[in-house]
């Protein structure tokens, strides 16, 4: 019988609470909905997220990769991550291809924040 004891304190990171009035709220909701709502059974969800329906869902691989990168960049800003912290986190995913990491960093670095919204500052 094997026994392993881990004495590690988890790194405590506050989870951002996004409210509808936050400038990143609607872009995040709509980007996520465009990734999720690609079949008729998701039509009601798409409309609840402010889309016309599944017609706004993204199924092509390039479009989906772009949306994922934009979401990653926005979420990194929401958590108040510096560019070096975000780069480090991306580096901890060895199975993620470098192009995906580069796209997420490019979205993070975009002037004016991702999608034109001002980046969230760390407290």
PDB file of N, CA and C in Angstrom:
ATOM      1  N   UNK A   1       0.847  -1.172   0.000  1.00  0.00           N
ATOM      2  CA  UNK A   1       0.000   0.000   0.000  1.00  0.00           C
ATOM      3  C   UNK A   1       0.895   1.238   0.000  1.00  0.00           C
ATOM      4  N   UNK A   2       0.503   2.199  -0.810  1.00  0.00           N
ATOM      5  CA  UNK A   2       1.258   3.435  -0.925  1.00  0.00           C
ATOM      6  C   UNK A   2       0.483   4.566  -0.280  1.00  0.00           C
ATOM      7  N   UNK A   3       1.212   5.450   0.325  1.00  0.00           N
ATOM      8  CA  UNK A   3       0.597   6.618   0.929  1.00  0.00           C
ATOM      9  C   UNK A   3       1.426   7.839   0.550  1.00  0.00           C
ATOM     10  N   UNK A   4       0.759   8.852   0.118  1.00  0.00           N
ATOM     11  CA  UNK A   4       1.440  10.084  -0.254  1.00  0.00           C
ATOM     12  C   UNK A   4       0.777  11.234   0.474  1.00  0.00           C
ATOM     13  N   UNK A   5       1.599  12.081   1.034  1.00  0.00           N
ATOM     14  CA  UNK A   5       1.099  13.252   1.733  1.00  0.00           C
ATOM     15  C   UNK A   5       1.581  14.489   0.990  1.00  0.00           C
ATOM     16  N   UNK A   6       0.658  15.326   0.630  1.00  0.00           N
ATOM     17  CA  UNK A   6       1.003  16.585  -0.022  1.00  0.00           C
ATOM     18  C   UNK A   6       0.772  17.705   0.977  1.00  0.00           C
ATOM     19  N   UNK A   7       1.814  18.400   1.306  1.00  0.00           N
ATOM     20  CA  UNK A   7       1.713  19.558   2.186  1.00  0.00           C
ATOM     21  C   UNK A   7       1.893  20.820   1.360  1.00  0.00           C
ATOM     22  N   UNK A   8       0.914  21.132   0.589  1.00  0.00           N
ATOM     23  CA  UNK A   8       0.989  22.323  -0.243  1.00  0.00           C
ATOM     24  C   UNK A   8      -0.203  23.206   0.067  1.00  0.00           C
ATOM     25  N   UNK A   9       0.074  24.467   0.215  1.00  0.00           N
ATOM     26  CA  UNK A   9      -1.013  25.427   0.382  1.00  0.00           C
ATOM     27  C   UNK A   9      -1.438  25.893  -0.993  1.00  0.00           C
ATOM     28  N   UNK A  10      -2.708  25.842  -1.277  1.00  0.00           N
ATOM     29  CA  UNK A  10      -3.144  26.305  -2.601  1.00  0.00           C
ATOM     30  C   UNK A  10      -2.939  27.809  -2.731  1.00  0.00           C
ATOM     31  N   UNK A  11      -2.561  28.218  -3.919  1.00  0.00           N
ATOM     32  CA  UNK A  11      -2.412  29.636  -4.218  1.00  0.00           C
ATOM     33  C   UNK A  11      -3.809  30.227  -4.294  1.00  0.00           C
ATOM     34  N   UNK A  12      -4.073  31.206  -3.484  1.00  0.00           N
ATOM     35  CA  UNK A  12      -5.415  31.765  -3.426  1.00  0.00           C
ATOM     36  C   UNK A  12      -5.530  32.947  -4.378  1.00  0.00           C
ATOM     37  N   UNK A  13      -6.365  32.786  -5.365  1.00  0.00           N
ATOM     38  CA  UNK A  13      -6.626  33.837  -6.336  1.00  0.00           C
ATOM     39  C   UNK A  13      -8.103  34.182  -6.265  1.00  0.00           C
ATOM     40  N   UNK A  14      -8.412  35.444  -6.016  1.00  0.00           N
ATOM     41  CA  UNK A  14      -9.829  35.807  -5.985  1.00  0.00           C
ATOM     42  C   UNK A  14     -10.458  35.624  -7.366  1.00  0.00           C
ATOM     43  N   UNK A  15     -11.657  35.094  -7.367  1.00  0.00           N
ATOM     44  CA  UNK A  15     -12.380  34.881  -8.616  1.00  0.00           C
ATOM     45  C   UNK A  15     -13.118  36.176  -8.949  1.00  0.00           C
ATOM     46  N   UNK A  16     -12.876  36.725 -10.137  1.00  0.00           N
ATOM     47  CA  UNK A  16     -13.572  37.969 -10.484  1.00  0.00           C
ATOM     48  C   UNK A  16     -15.075  37.743 -10.589  1.00  0.00           C
ATOM     49  N   UNK A  17     -15.817  38.677 -10.061  1.00  0.00           N
ATOM     50  CA  UNK A  17     -17.281  38.623 -10.150  1.00  0.00           C
ATOM     51  C   UNK A  17     -17.688  39.596 -11.242  1.00  0.00           C
ATOM     52  N   UNK A  18     -18.151  39.054 -12.315  1.00  0.00           N
ATOM     53  CA  UNK A  18     -18.520  39.869 -13.462  1.00  0.00           C
ATOM     54  C   UNK A  18     -20.003  40.195 -13.385  1.00  0.00           C
ATOM     55  N   UNK A  19     -20.319  41.469 -13.371  1.00  0.00           N
ATOM     56  CA  UNK A  19     -21.718  41.895 -13.341  1.00  0.00           C
ATOM     57  C   UNK A  19     -22.099  42.420 -14.730  1.00  0.00           C
ATOM     58  N   UNK A  20     -23.381  42.407 -15.056  1.00  0.00           N
ATOM     59  CA  UNK A  20     -23.805  42.818 -16.401  1.00  0.00           C
ATOM     60  C   UNK A  20     -23.329  44.205 -16.831  1.00  0.00           C
ATOM     61  N   UNK A  21     -23.087  45.109 -15.894  1.00  0.00           N
ATOM     62  CA  UNK A  21     -22.643  46.456 -16.269  1.00  0.00           C
ATOM     63  C   UNK A  21     -21.143  46.534 -16.559  1.00  0.00           C
ATOM     64  N   UNK A  22     -20.392  45.474 -16.266  1.00  0.00           N
ATOM     65  CA  UNK A  22     -18.947  45.470 -16.538  1.00  0.00           C
ATOM     66  C   UNK A  22     -18.731  45.474 -18.049  1.00  0.00           C
ATOM     67  N   UNK A  23     -17.767  46.255 -18.546  1.00  0.00           N
ATOM     68  CA  UNK A  23     -17.564  46.341 -20.002  1.00  0.00           C
ATOM     69  C   UNK A  23     -17.189  45.019 -20.671  1.00  0.00           C
ATOM     70  N   UNK A  24     -16.655  44.066 -19.920  1.00  0.00           N
ATOM     71  CA  UNK A  24     -16.292  42.778 -20.505  1.00  0.00           C
ATOM     72  C   UNK A  24     -17.414  41.746 -20.429  1.00  0.00           C
ATOM     73  N   UNK A  25     -18.479  42.055 -19.699  1.00  0.00           N
ATOM     74  CA  UNK A  25     -19.536  41.068 -19.490  1.00  0.00           C
ATOM     75  C   UNK A  25     -20.146  40.583 -20.803  1.00  0.00           C
ATOM     76  N   UNK A  26     -20.701  41.495 -21.571  1.00  0.00           N
ATOM     77  CA  UNK A  26     -21.393  41.097 -22.797  1.00  0.00           C
ATOM     78  C   UNK A  26     -20.448  40.472 -23.826  1.00  0.00           C
ATOM     79  N   UNK A  27     -19.245  41.030 -24.041  1.00  0.00           N
ATOM     80  CA  UNK A  27     -18.332  40.373 -24.989  1.00  0.00           C
ATOM     81  C   UNK A  27     -17.967  38.945 -24.583  1.00  0.00           C
ATOM     82  N   UNK A  28     -17.789  38.704 -23.291  1.00  0.00           N
ATOM     83  CA  UNK A  28     -17.462  37.351 -22.827  1.00  0.00           C
ATOM     84  C   UNK A  28     -18.656  36.425 -23.019  1.00  0.00           C
ATOM     85  N   UNK A  29     -19.830  36.876 -22.616  1.00  0.00           N
ATOM     86  CA  UNK A  29     -21.039  36.058 -22.762  1.00  0.00           C
ATOM     87  C   UNK A  29     -21.280  35.728 -24.230  1.00  0.00           C
ATOM     88  N   UNK A  30     -21.165  36.724 -25.094  1.00  0.00           N
ATOM     89  CA  UNK A  30     -21.445  36.477 -26.508  1.00  0.00           C
ATOM     90  C   UNK A  30     -20.382  35.602 -27.168  1.00  0.00           C
ATOM     91  N   UNK A  31     -19.116  35.797 -26.812  1.00  0.00           N
ATOM     92  CA  UNK A  31     -18.067  34.944 -27.392  1.00  0.00           C
ATOM     93  C   UNK A  31     -18.263  33.497 -26.956  1.00  0.00           C
ATOM     94  N   UNK A  32     -18.560  33.297 -25.667  1.00  0.00           N
ATOM     95  CA  UNK A  32     -18.795  31.934 -25.180  1.00  0.00           C
ATOM     96  C   UNK A  32     -20.018  31.326 -25.868  1.00  0.00           C
ATOM     97  N   UNK A  33     -21.067  32.115 -26.014  1.00  0.00           N
ATOM     98  CA  UNK A  33     -22.282  31.616 -26.671  1.00  0.00           C
ATOM     99  C   UNK A  33     -22.009  31.270 -28.131  1.00  0.00           C
ATOM    100  N   UNK A  34     -21.196  32.055 -28.803  1.00  0.00           N
ATOM    101  CA  UNK A  34     -20.883  31.759 -30.211  1.00  0.00           C
ATOM    102  C   UNK A  34     -20.093  30.456 -30.334  1.00  0.00           C
ATOM    103  N   UNK A  35     -19.325  30.114 -29.293  1.00  0.00           N
ATOM    104  CA  UNK A  35     -18.601  28.838 -29.296  1.00  0.00           C
ATOM    105  C   UNK A  35     -19.522  27.667 -28.960  1.00  0.00           C
ATOM    106  N   UNK A  36     -20.447  27.877 -28.048  1.00  0.00           N
ATOM    107  CA  UNK A  36     -21.324  26.806 -27.572  1.00  0.00           C
ATOM    108  C   UNK A  36     -22.504  26.563 -28.508  1.00  0.00           C
ATOM    109  N   UNK A  37     -23.124  27.626 -28.951  1.00  0.00           N
ATOM    110  CA  UNK A  37     -24.415  27.546 -29.650  1.00  0.00           C
ATOM    111  C   UNK A  37     -24.233  27.318 -31.147  1.00  0.00           C
ATOM    112  N   UNK A  38     -23.943  26.073 -31.494  1.00  0.00           N
ATOM    113  CA  UNK A  38     -23.698  25.736 -32.898  1.00  0.00           C
ATOM    114  C   UNK A  38     -24.700  24.721 -33.446  1.00  0.00           C
ATOM    115  N   UNK A  39     -25.693  24.385 -32.655  1.00  0.00           N
ATOM    116  CA  UNK A  39     -26.708  23.418 -33.081  1.00  0.00           C
ATOM    117  C   UNK A  39     -28.077  23.928 -32.632  1.00  0.00           C
ATOM    118  N   UNK A  40     -29.140  23.514 -33.319  1.00  0.00           N
ATOM    119  CA  UNK A  40     -30.488  24.027 -33.027  1.00  0.00           C
ATOM    120  C   UNK A  40     -30.914  23.894 -31.564  1.00  0.00           C
ATOM    121  N   UNK A  41     -30.454  22.861 -30.877  1.00  0.00           N
ATOM    122  CA  UNK A  41     -30.865  22.706 -29.476  1.00  0.00           C
ATOM    123  C   UNK A  41     -30.329  23.818 -28.576  1.00  0.00           C
ATOM    124  N   UNK A  42     -29.411  24.646 -29.079  1.00  0.00           N
ATOM    125  CA  UNK A  42     -28.856  25.753 -28.300  1.00  0.00           C
ATOM    126  C   UNK A  42     -29.432  27.102 -28.721  1.00  0.00           C
ATOM    127  N   UNK A  43     -30.469  27.091 -29.530  1.00  0.00           N
ATOM    128  CA  UNK A  43     -31.032  28.338 -30.043  1.00  0.00           C
ATOM    129  C   UNK A  43     -31.524  29.252 -28.922  1.00  0.00           C
ATOM    130  N   UNK A  44     -32.222  28.709 -27.946  1.00  0.00           N
ATOM    131  CA  UNK A  44     -32.735  29.528 -26.840  1.00  0.00           C
ATOM    132  C   UNK A  44     -31.586  30.136 -26.038  1.00  0.00           C
ATOM    133  N   UNK A  45     -30.537  29.370 -25.803  1.00  0.00           N
ATOM    134  CA  UNK A  45     -29.373  29.890 -25.082  1.00  0.00           C
ATOM    135  C   UNK A  45     -28.719  31.016 -25.877  1.00  0.00           C
ATOM    136  N   UNK A  46     -28.582  30.823 -27.176  1.00  0.00           N
ATOM    137  CA  UNK A  46     -27.984  31.856 -28.027  1.00  0.00           C
ATOM    138  C   UNK A  46     -28.781  33.154 -27.931  1.00  0.00           C
ATOM    139  N   UNK A  47     -30.093  33.044 -27.996  1.00  0.00           N
ATOM    140  CA  UNK A  47     -30.937  34.237 -27.918  1.00  0.00           C
ATOM    141  C   UNK A  47     -30.851  34.883 -26.540  1.00  0.00           C
ATOM    142  N   UNK A  48     -30.778  34.077 -25.489  1.00  0.00           N
ATOM    143  CA  UNK A  48     -30.644  34.619 -24.134  1.00  0.00           C
ATOM    144  C   UNK A  48     -29.319  35.361 -23.963  1.00  0.00           C
ATOM    145  N   UNK A  49     -28.312  34.965 -24.735  1.00  0.00           N
ATOM    146  CA  UNK A  49     -26.998  35.611 -24.667  1.00  0.00           C
ATOM    147  C   UNK A  49     -26.921  36.844 -25.561  1.00  0.00           C
ATOM    148  N   UNK A  50     -28.010  37.162 -26.233  1.00  0.00           N
ATOM    149  CA  UNK A  50     -28.032  38.353 -27.067  1.00  0.00           C
ATOM    150  C   UNK A  50     -27.698  38.114 -28.524  1.00  0.00           C
ATOM    151  N   UNK A  51     -27.620  36.852 -28.923  1.00  0.00           N
ATOM    152  CA  UNK A  51     -27.364  36.524 -30.325  1.00  0.00           C
ATOM    153  C   UNK A  51     -28.690  36.337 -31.050  1.00  0.00           C
ATOM    154  N   UNK A  52     -28.647  36.285 -32.363  1.00  0.00           N
ATOM    155  CA  UNK A  52     -29.865  36.045 -33.148  1.00  0.00           C
ATOM    156  C   UNK A  52     -30.323  34.603 -33.027  1.00  0.00           C
ATOM    157  N   UNK A  53     -29.447  33.736 -32.634  1.00  0.00           N
ATOM    158  CA  UNK A  53     -29.726  32.306 -32.532  1.00  0.00           C
ATOM    159  C   UNK A  53     -28.492  31.544 -32.947  1.00  0.00           C
ATOM    160  N   UNK A  54     -28.665  30.257 -33.232  1.00  0.00           N
ATOM    161  CA  UNK A  54     -27.502  29.443 -33.602  1.00  0.00           C
ATOM    162  C   UNK A  54     -26.882  29.892 -34.917  1.00  0.00           C
ATOM    163  N   UNK A  55     -27.583  30.720 -35.664  1.00  0.00           N
ATOM    164  CA  UNK A  55     -27.009  31.260 -36.898  1.00  0.00           C
ATOM    165  C   UNK A  55     -25.729  32.050 -36.588  1.00  0.00           C
ATOM    166  N   UNK A  56     -25.610  32.580 -35.367  1.00  0.00           N
ATOM    167  CA  UNK A  56     -24.410  33.317 -34.960  1.00  0.00           C
ATOM    168  C   UNK A  56     -23.336  32.414 -34.357  1.00  0.00           C
ATOM    169  N   UNK A  57     -23.637  31.141 -34.202  1.00  0.00           N
ATOM    170  CA  UNK A  57     -22.634  30.199 -33.697  1.00  0.00           C
ATOM    171  C   UNK A  57     -21.488  30.060 -34.689  1.00  0.00           C
ATOM    172  N   UNK A  58     -20.295  29.841 -34.174  1.00  0.00           N
ATOM    173  CA  UNK A  58     -19.102  29.740 -35.023  1.00  0.00           C
ATOM    174  C   UNK A  58     -18.657  28.285 -35.074  1.00  0.00           C
ATOM    175  N   UNK A  59     -18.584  27.754 -36.280  1.00  0.00           N
ATOM    176  CA  UNK A  59     -18.194  26.351 -36.440  1.00  0.00           C
ATOM    177  C   UNK A  59     -16.866  26.171 -37.164  1.00  0.00           C
ATOM    178  N   UNK A  60     -16.395  27.202 -37.872  1.00  0.00           N
ATOM    179  CA  UNK A  60     -15.126  27.031 -38.586  1.00  0.00           C
ATOM    180  C   UNK A  60     -13.965  27.117 -37.597  1.00  0.00           C
ATOM    181  N   UNK A  61     -12.937  26.334 -37.834  1.00  0.00           N
ATOM    182  CA  UNK A  61     -11.837  26.203 -36.873  1.00  0.00           C
ATOM    183  C   UNK A  61     -11.089  27.512 -36.650  1.00  0.00           C
ATOM    184  N   UNK A  62     -10.916  28.315 -37.676  1.00  0.00           N
ATOM    185  CA  UNK A  62     -10.200  29.588 -37.518  1.00  0.00           C
ATOM    186  C   UNK A  62     -11.013  30.549 -36.654  1.00  0.00           C
ATOM    187  N   UNK A  63     -12.297  30.654 -36.930  1.00  0.00           N
ATOM    188  CA  UNK A  63     -13.159  31.524 -36.134  1.00  0.00           C
ATOM    189  C   UNK A  63     -13.231  31.095 -34.685  1.00  0.00           C
ATOM    190  N   UNK A  64     -13.312  29.800 -34.454  1.00  0.00           N
ATOM    191  CA  UNK A  64     -13.363  29.277 -33.084  1.00  0.00           C
ATOM    192  C   UNK A  64     -12.050  29.553 -32.351  1.00  0.00           C
ATOM    193  N   UNK A  65     -10.935  29.378 -33.034  1.00  0.00           N
ATOM    194  CA  UNK A  65      -9.629  29.638 -32.413  1.00  0.00           C
ATOM    195  C   UNK A  65      -9.495  31.115 -32.047  1.00  0.00           C
ATOM    196  N   UNK A  66      -9.989  31.981 -32.906  1.00  0.00           N
ATOM    197  CA  UNK A  66      -9.938  33.419 -32.634  1.00  0.00           C
ATOM    198  C   UNK A  66     -10.777  33.764 -31.410  1.00  0.00           C
ATOM    199  N   UNK A  67     -11.981  33.221 -31.331  1.00  0.00           N
ATOM    200  CA  UNK A  67     -12.841  33.478 -30.171  1.00  0.00           C
ATOM    201  C   UNK A  67     -12.217  32.953 -28.883  1.00  0.00           C
ATOM    202  N   UNK A  68     -11.643  31.763 -28.927  1.00  0.00           N
ATOM    203  CA  UNK A  68     -11.002  31.207 -27.729  1.00  0.00           C
ATOM    204  C   UNK A  68      -9.842  32.088 -27.283  1.00  0.00           C
ATOM    205  N   UNK A  69      -9.039  32.563 -28.225  1.00  0.00           N
ATOM    206  CA  UNK A  69      -7.910  33.432 -27.879  1.00  0.00           C
ATOM    207  C   UNK A  69      -8.409  34.729 -27.243  1.00  0.00           C
ATOM    208  N   UNK A  70      -9.461  35.306 -27.809  1.00  0.00           N
ATOM    209  CA  UNK A  70     -10.016  36.534 -27.249  1.00  0.00           C
ATOM    210  C   UNK A  70     -10.552  36.307 -25.843  1.00  0.00           C
ATOM    211  N   UNK A  71     -11.222  35.182 -25.634  1.00  0.00           N
ATOM    212  CA  UNK A  71     -11.712  34.860 -24.290  1.00  0.00           C
ATOM    213  C   UNK A  71     -10.553  34.696 -23.315  1.00  0.00           C
ATOM    214  N   UNK A  72      -9.522  33.976 -23.731  1.00  0.00           N
ATOM    215  CA  UNK A  72      -8.358  33.785 -22.860  1.00  0.00           C
ATOM    216  C   UNK A  72      -7.735  35.123 -22.480  1.00  0.00           C
ATOM    217  N   UNK A  73      -7.586  36.016 -23.447  1.00  0.00           N
ATOM    218  CA  UNK A  73      -7.008  37.331 -23.171  1.00  0.00           C
ATOM    219  C   UNK A  73      -7.861  38.146 -22.225  1.00  0.00           C
ATOM    220  N   UNK A  74      -9.169  38.154 -22.450  1.00  0.00           N
ATOM    221  CA  UNK A  74     -10.074  38.895 -21.562  1.00  0.00           C
ATOM    222  C   UNK A  74     -10.033  38.345 -20.136  1.00  0.00           C
ATOM    223  N   UNK A  75     -10.079  37.038 -20.023  1.00  0.00           N
ATOM    224  CA  UNK A  75     -10.093  36.426 -18.692  1.00  0.00           C
ATOM    225  C   UNK A  75      -8.773  36.679 -17.965  1.00  0.00           C
ATOM    226  N   UNK A  76      -7.664  36.656 -18.678  1.00  0.00           N
ATOM    227  CA  UNK A  76      -6.373  36.974 -18.052  1.00  0.00           C
ATOM    228  C   UNK A  76      -6.401  38.385 -17.477  1.00  0.00           C
ATOM    229  N   UNK A  77      -6.985  39.333 -18.209  1.00  0.00           N
ATOM    230  CA  UNK A  77      -7.109  40.700 -17.695  1.00  0.00           C
ATOM    231  C   UNK A  77      -8.049  40.751 -16.498  1.00  0.00           C
ATOM    232  N   UNK A  78      -9.150  40.005 -16.546  1.00  0.00           N
ATOM    233  CA  UNK A  78     -10.090  40.000 -15.423  1.00  0.00           C
ATOM    234  C   UNK A  78      -9.426  39.525 -14.138  1.00  0.00           C
ATOM    235  N   UNK A  79      -8.534  38.555 -14.266  1.00  0.00           N
ATOM    236  CA  UNK A  79      -7.818  38.057 -13.097  1.00  0.00           C
ATOM    237  C   UNK A  79      -6.672  38.971 -12.692  1.00  0.00           C
ATOM    238  N   UNK A  80      -6.444  40.027 -13.452  1.00  0.00           N
ATOM    239  CA  UNK A  80      -5.385  40.970 -13.114  1.00  0.00           C
ATOM    240  C   UNK A  80      -3.993  40.426 -13.360  1.00  0.00           C
ATOM    241  N   UNK A  81      -3.870  39.476 -14.281  1.00  0.00           N
ATOM    242  CA  UNK A  81      -2.568  38.878 -14.552  1.00  0.00           C
ATOM    243  C   UNK A  81      -1.686  39.833 -15.341  1.00  0.00           C
ATOM    244  N   UNK A  82      -0.411  39.855 -14.988  1.00  0.00           N
ATOM    245  CA  UNK A  82       0.555  40.584 -15.801  1.00  0.00           C
ATOM    246  C   UNK A  82       0.852  39.735 -17.033  1.00  0.00           C
ATOM    247  N   UNK A  83       1.499  40.334 -18.008  1.00  0.00           N
ATOM    248  CA  UNK A  83       1.838  39.573 -19.206  1.00  0.00           C
ATOM    249  C   UNK A  83       2.765  38.409 -18.869  1.00  0.00           C
ATOM    250  N   UNK A  84       3.712  38.634 -17.958  1.00  0.00           N
ATOM    251  CA  UNK A  84       4.630  37.539 -17.602  1.00  0.00           C
ATOM    252  C   UNK A  84       3.899  36.423 -16.863  1.00  0.00           C
ATOM    253  N   UNK A  85       2.933  36.767 -16.019  1.00  0.00           N
ATOM    254  CA  UNK A  85       2.145  35.737 -15.335  1.00  0.00           C
ATOM    255  C   UNK A  85       1.312  34.936 -16.330  1.00  0.00           C
ATOM    256  N   UNK A  86       0.694  35.630 -17.275  1.00  0.00           N
ATOM    257  CA  UNK A  86      -0.124  34.951 -18.282  1.00  0.00           C
ATOM    258  C   UNK A  86       0.750  34.051 -19.154  1.00  0.00           C
ATOM    259  N   UNK A  87       1.916  34.546 -19.523  1.00  0.00           N
ATOM    260  CA  UNK A  87       2.859  33.740 -20.306  1.00  0.00           C
ATOM    261  C   UNK A  87       3.258  32.488 -19.537  1.00  0.00           C
ATOM    262  N   UNK A  88       3.528  32.649 -18.247  1.00  0.00           N
ATOM    263  CA  UNK A  88       3.897  31.497 -17.419  1.00  0.00           C
ATOM    264  C   UNK A  88       2.760  30.475 -17.372  1.00  0.00           C
ATOM    265  N   UNK A  89       1.549  30.955 -17.157  1.00  0.00           N
ATOM    266  CA  UNK A  89       0.398  30.047 -17.088  1.00  0.00           C
ATOM    267  C   UNK A  89       0.229  29.293 -18.399  1.00  0.00           C
ATOM    268  N   UNK A  90       0.314  30.005 -19.511  1.00  0.00           N
ATOM    269  CA  UNK A  90       0.201  29.335 -20.809  1.00  0.00           C
ATOM    270  C   UNK A  90       1.293  28.285 -20.979  1.00  0.00           C
ATOM    271  N   UNK A  91       2.470  28.557 -20.431  1.00  0.00           N
ATOM    272  CA  UNK A  91       3.585  27.618 -20.519  1.00  0.00           C
ATOM    273  C   UNK A  91       3.380  26.343 -19.725  1.00  0.00           C
ATOM    274  N   UNK A  92       2.409  26.344 -18.820  1.00  0.00           N
ATOM    275  CA  UNK A  92       2.158  25.139 -18.019  1.00  0.00           C
ATOM    276  C   UNK A  92       1.251  24.149 -18.734  1.00  0.00           C
ATOM    277  N   UNK A  93       0.864  24.467 -19.963  1.00  0.00           N
ATOM    278  CA  UNK A  93       0.033  23.573 -20.761  1.00  0.00           C
ATOM    279  C   UNK A  93       0.880  22.992 -21.888  1.00  0.00           C
ATOM    280  N   UNK A  94       1.606  21.906 -21.607  1.00  0.00           N
ATOM    281  CA  UNK A  94       2.543  21.378 -22.603  1.00  0.00           C
ATOM    282  C   UNK A  94       1.873  20.817 -23.855  1.00  0.00           C
ATOM    283  N   UNK A  95       0.626  20.432 -23.776  1.00  0.00           N
ATOM    284  CA  UNK A  95      -0.049  19.867 -24.945  1.00  0.00           C
ATOM    285  C   UNK A  95      -0.685  20.938 -25.833  1.00  0.00           C
ATOM    286  N   UNK A  96      -0.705  22.171 -25.356  1.00  0.00           N
ATOM    287  CA  UNK A  96      -1.267  23.266 -26.146  1.00  0.00           C
ATOM    288  C   UNK A  96      -0.230  23.702 -27.177  1.00  0.00           C
ATOM    289  N   UNK A  97      -0.628  23.737 -28.436  1.00  0.00           N
ATOM    290  CA  UNK A  97       0.322  24.117 -29.482  1.00  0.00           C
ATOM    291  C   UNK A  97       0.713  25.586 -29.320  1.00  0.00           C
ATOM    292  N   UNK A  98       1.929  25.915 -29.725  1.00  0.00           N
ATOM    293  CA  UNK A  98       2.462  27.258 -29.529  1.00  0.00           C
ATOM    294  C   UNK A  98       1.612  28.326 -30.217  1.00  0.00           C
ATOM    295  N   UNK A  99       1.035  28.012 -31.361  1.00  0.00           N
ATOM    296  CA  UNK A  99       0.216  28.995 -32.078  1.00  0.00           C
ATOM    297  C   UNK A  99      -0.987  29.434 -31.243  1.00  0.00           C
ATOM    298  N   UNK A 100      -1.550  28.520 -30.476  1.00  0.00           N
ATOM    299  CA  UNK A 100      -2.690  28.851 -29.618  1.00  0.00           C
ATOM    300  C   UNK A 100      -2.234  29.778 -28.495  1.00  0.00           C
ATOM    301  N   UNK A 101      -1.089  29.482 -27.911  1.00  0.00           N
ATOM    302  CA  UNK A 101      -0.536  30.338 -26.855  1.00  0.00           C
ATOM    303  C   UNK A 101      -0.229  31.728 -27.400  1.00  0.00           C
ATOM    304  N   UNK A 102       0.374  31.774 -28.586  1.00  0.00           N
ATOM    305  CA  UNK A 102       0.711  33.056 -29.206  1.00  0.00           C
ATOM    306  C   UNK A 102      -0.539  33.884 -29.487  1.00  0.00           C
ATOM    307  N   UNK A 103      -1.600  33.232 -29.936  1.00  0.00           N
ATOM    308  CA  UNK A 103      -2.852  33.941 -30.224  1.00  0.00           C
ATOM    309  C   UNK A 103      -3.460  34.511 -28.943  1.00  0.00           C
ATOM    310  N   UNK A 104      -3.409  33.758 -27.860  1.00  0.00           N
ATOM    311  CA  UNK A 104      -3.935  34.242 -26.584  1.00  0.00           C
ATOM    312  C   UNK A 104      -3.128  35.439 -26.093  1.00  0.00           C
ATOM    313  N   UNK A 105      -1.805  35.370 -26.217  1.00  0.00           N
ATOM    314  CA  UNK A 105      -0.964  36.500 -25.815  1.00  0.00           C
ATOM    315  C   UNK A 105      -1.206  37.715 -26.699  1.00  0.00           C
ATOM    316  N   UNK A 106      -1.387  37.500 -27.986  1.00  0.00           N
ATOM    317  CA  UNK A 106      -1.674  38.619 -28.894  1.00  0.00           C
ATOM    318  C   UNK A 106      -2.987  39.292 -28.505  1.00  0.00           C
ATOM    319  N   UNK A 107      -3.988  38.496 -28.153  1.00  0.00           N
ATOM    320  CA  UNK A 107      -5.268  39.056 -27.716  1.00  0.00           C
ATOM    321  C   UNK A 107      -5.088  39.825 -26.413  1.00  0.00           C
ATOM    322  N   UNK A 108      -4.279  39.307 -25.512  1.00  0.00           N
ATOM    323  CA  UNK A 108      -3.998  39.971 -24.239  1.00  0.00           C
ATOM    324  C   UNK A 108      -3.331  41.327 -24.487  1.00  0.00           C
ATOM    325  N   UNK A 109      -2.413  41.371 -25.442  1.00  0.00           N
ATOM    326  CA  UNK A 109      -1.618  42.580 -25.713  1.00  0.00           C
ATOM    327  C   UNK A 109      -2.340  43.613 -26.572  1.00  0.00           C
ATOM    328  N   UNK A 110      -3.447  43.261 -27.159  1.00  0.00           N
ATOM    329  CA  UNK A 110      -4.123  44.150 -28.101  1.00  0.00           C
ATOM    330  C   UNK A 110      -4.325  45.531 -27.492  1.00  0.00           C
ATOM    331  N   UNK A 111      -3.945  46.606 -28.217  1.00  0.00           N
ATOM    332  CA  UNK A 111      -4.113  47.973 -27.689  1.00  0.00           C
ATOM    333  C   UNK A 111      -5.555  48.236 -27.275  1.00  0.00           C
ATOM    334  N   UNK A 112      -5.709  48.851 -26.125  1.00  0.00           N
ATOM    335  CA  UNK A 112      -7.052  49.117 -25.628  1.00  0.00           C
ATOM    336  C   UNK A 112      -7.694  47.902 -24.997  1.00  0.00           C
ATOM    337  N   UNK A 113      -6.945  46.830 -24.838  1.00  0.00           N
ATOM    338  CA  UNK A 113      -7.493  45.606 -24.274  1.00  0.00           C
ATOM    339  C   UNK A 113      -8.054  44.724 -25.356  1.00  0.00           C
ATOM    340  N   UNK A 114      -8.516  43.580 -24.979  1.00  0.00           N
ATOM    341  CA  UNK A 114      -9.071  42.614 -25.919  1.00  0.00           C
ATOM    342  C   UNK A 114     -10.376  43.155 -26.464  1.00  0.00           C
ATOM    343  N   UNK A 115     -10.535  43.077 -27.755  1.00  0.00           N
ATOM    344  CA  UNK A 115     -11.778  43.514 -28.373  1.00  0.00           C
ATOM    345  C   UNK A 115     -12.050  44.998 -28.221  1.00  0.00           C
ATOM    346  N   UNK A 116     -11.029  45.771 -27.852  1.00  0.00           N
ATOM    347  CA  UNK A 116     -11.184  47.212 -27.756  1.00  0.00           C
ATOM    348  C   UNK A 116     -11.562  47.706 -26.373  1.00  0.00           C
ATOM    349  N   UNK A 117     -11.910  46.810 -25.442  1.00  0.00           N
ATOM    350  CA  UNK A 117     -12.250  47.239 -24.085  1.00  0.00           C
ATOM    351  C   UNK A 117     -10.972  47.496 -23.309  1.00  0.00           C
ATOM    352  N   UNK A 118     -11.036  48.412 -22.383  1.00  0.00           N
ATOM    353  CA  UNK A 118      -9.857  48.704 -21.572  1.00  0.00           C
ATOM    354  C   UNK A 118      -9.532  47.509 -20.702  1.00  0.00           C
ATOM    355  N   UNK A 119      -8.250  47.141 -20.595  1.00  0.00           N
ATOM    356  CA  UNK A 119      -7.900  45.998 -19.762  1.00  0.00           C
ATOM    357  C   UNK A 119      -8.180  46.277 -18.294  1.00  0.00           C
ATOM    358  N   UNK A 120      -8.550  45.247 -17.573  1.00  0.00           N
ATOM    359  CA  UNK A 120      -8.784  45.352 -16.146  1.00  0.00           C
ATOM    360  C   UNK A 120      -7.442  45.443 -15.440  1.00  0.00           C
ATOM    361  N   UNK A 121      -7.329  46.348 -14.502  1.00  0.00           N
ATOM    362  CA  UNK A 121      -6.086  46.514 -13.756  1.00  0.00           C
ATOM    363  C   UNK A 121      -6.125  45.657 -12.500  1.00  0.00           C
ATOM    364  N   UNK A 122      -4.965  45.168 -12.113  1.00  0.00           N
ATOM    365  CA  UNK A 122      -4.864  44.405 -10.869  1.00  0.00           C
ATOM    366  C   UNK A 122      -5.110  45.349  -9.703  1.00  0.00           C
ATOM    367  N   UNK A 123      -5.721  44.850  -8.615  1.00  0.00           N
ATOM    368  CA  UNK A 123      -5.996  45.726  -7.464  1.00  0.00           C
ATOM    369  C   UNK A 123      -4.731  46.183  -6.789  1.00  0.00           C
TER     370      UNK A 123
END
